[in-house]
């Protein structure tokens, strides 16, 4: 179920990034007095702060994910290892 939601989101984000890369020079005449690298660097810190805020609100705390599995006959350490590995493969860690 989540693959049905994540796959189109990743494709959409990829398409937006590719189109932005292709047409970035066409968007620059709005501020033609500034180089492209300078323009990107001006807004890089605010973009990183915005992405951090989005990640903070959208990512689930790891403790909530492990609670439903605690009653199963699996050692707690194995559950912790599994959720640590799963969090490494999270979509939030890719961006």
Protein backbone atom coordinates (compact mmCIF):
# COMPACT_ATOMS: atom_id res chain seq x y z
CA UNK A 1 0.00 0.00 0.00
CA UNK A 2 2.72 2.47 0.88
CA UNK A 3 4.58 1.62 -2.33
CA UNK A 4 1.54 2.86 -4.23
CA UNK A 5 1.88 6.21 -2.51
CA UNK A 6 5.66 6.50 -2.34
CA UNK A 7 6.43 5.50 -5.93
CA UNK A 8 4.36 8.28 -7.57
CA UNK A 9 5.70 10.79 -5.05
CA UNK A 10 9.29 9.85 -5.90
CA UNK A 11 8.56 9.98 -9.63
CA UNK A 12 6.91 13.38 -9.25
CA UNK A 13 9.80 14.75 -7.20
CA UNK A 14 12.29 13.37 -9.71
CA UNK A 15 10.40 14.95 -12.61
CA UNK A 16 10.26 18.31 -10.84
CA UNK A 17 13.99 18.22 -10.11
CA UNK A 18 14.86 17.25 -13.69
CA UNK A 19 12.63 19.99 -15.12
CA UNK A 20 14.11 22.52 -12.70
CA UNK A 21 17.62 21.49 -13.75
CA UNK A 22 16.74 21.82 -17.43
CA UNK A 23 14.91 25.15 -17.19
CA UNK A 24 16.91 26.80 -14.38
CA UNK A 25 18.81 29.02 -16.80
CA UNK A 26 15.50 30.17 -18.30
CA UNK A 27 14.28 31.17 -14.84
CA UNK A 28 17.37 33.24 -14.12
CA UNK A 29 16.48 36.31 -16.23
CA UNK A 30 14.20 37.31 -13.38
CA UNK A 31 17.43 38.14 -11.47
CA UNK A 32 19.97 38.42 -14.27
CA UNK A 33 22.45 40.35 -12.12
CA UNK A 34 23.18 37.28 -9.97
CA UNK A 35 25.01 34.09 -10.91
CA UNK A 36 23.19 30.78 -10.60
CA UNK A 37 25.47 29.44 -7.87
CA UNK A 38 25.10 32.62 -5.83
CA UNK A 39 21.33 32.48 -6.17
CA UNK A 40 21.22 28.88 -4.96
CA UNK A 41 23.58 29.59 -2.07
CA UNK A 42 21.45 32.53 -0.92
CA UNK A 43 18.48 30.25 -0.26
CA UNK A 44 20.25 27.03 0.71
CA UNK A 45 20.11 27.55 4.48
CA UNK A 46 16.41 28.44 4.49
CA UNK A 47 15.65 25.43 2.29
CA UNK A 48 17.54 23.12 4.65
CA UNK A 49 15.67 24.53 7.65
CA UNK A 50 12.34 24.05 5.86
CA UNK A 51 13.22 20.46 4.97
CA UNK A 52 14.23 19.78 8.57
CA UNK A 53 10.90 21.16 9.81
CA UNK A 54 8.98 19.01 7.31
CA UNK A 55 10.94 15.95 8.33
CA UNK A 56 10.27 16.65 12.00
CA UNK A 57 6.51 16.74 11.46
CA UNK A 58 6.19 13.86 8.96
CA UNK A 59 8.55 11.25 10.38
CA UNK A 60 7.13 8.86 12.95
CA UNK A 61 8.97 8.42 16.23
CA UNK A 62 10.68 5.02 16.33
CA UNK A 63 9.13 4.08 19.66
CA UNK A 64 5.65 4.12 18.18
CA UNK A 65 6.61 1.71 15.44
CA UNK A 66 7.99 -0.95 17.74
CA UNK A 67 5.14 -1.15 20.28
CA UNK A 68 2.79 -3.41 18.26
CA UNK A 69 5.55 -6.00 17.90
CA UNK A 70 6.63 -6.27 21.53
CA UNK A 71 4.12 -9.03 22.34
CA UNK A 72 5.48 -11.33 19.63
CA UNK A 73 7.92 -14.13 20.48
CA UNK A 74 10.88 -12.21 19.09
CA UNK A 75 13.71 -10.84 21.17
CA UNK A 76 13.58 -7.12 21.77
CA UNK A 77 17.12 -6.67 20.45
CA UNK A 78 16.14 -8.23 17.10
CA UNK A 79 13.21 -5.83 16.85
CA UNK A 80 15.48 -2.90 17.59
CA UNK A 81 17.96 -4.03 14.93
CA UNK A 82 15.17 -4.43 12.40
CA UNK A 83 13.74 -0.97 13.04
CA UNK A 84 17.19 0.59 12.94
CA UNK A 85 17.81 -0.97 9.54
CA UNK A 86 14.35 0.05 8.36
CA UNK A 87 14.95 3.64 9.43
CA UNK A 88 18.15 3.73 7.36
CA UNK A 89 16.08 2.88 4.29
CA UNK A 90 13.44 5.48 5.06
CA UNK A 91 12.47 7.92 2.34
CA UNK A 92 13.18 10.80 4.72
CA UNK A 93 16.85 9.83 4.86
CA UNK A 94 17.24 10.06 1.10
CA UNK A 95 16.49 13.79 0.93
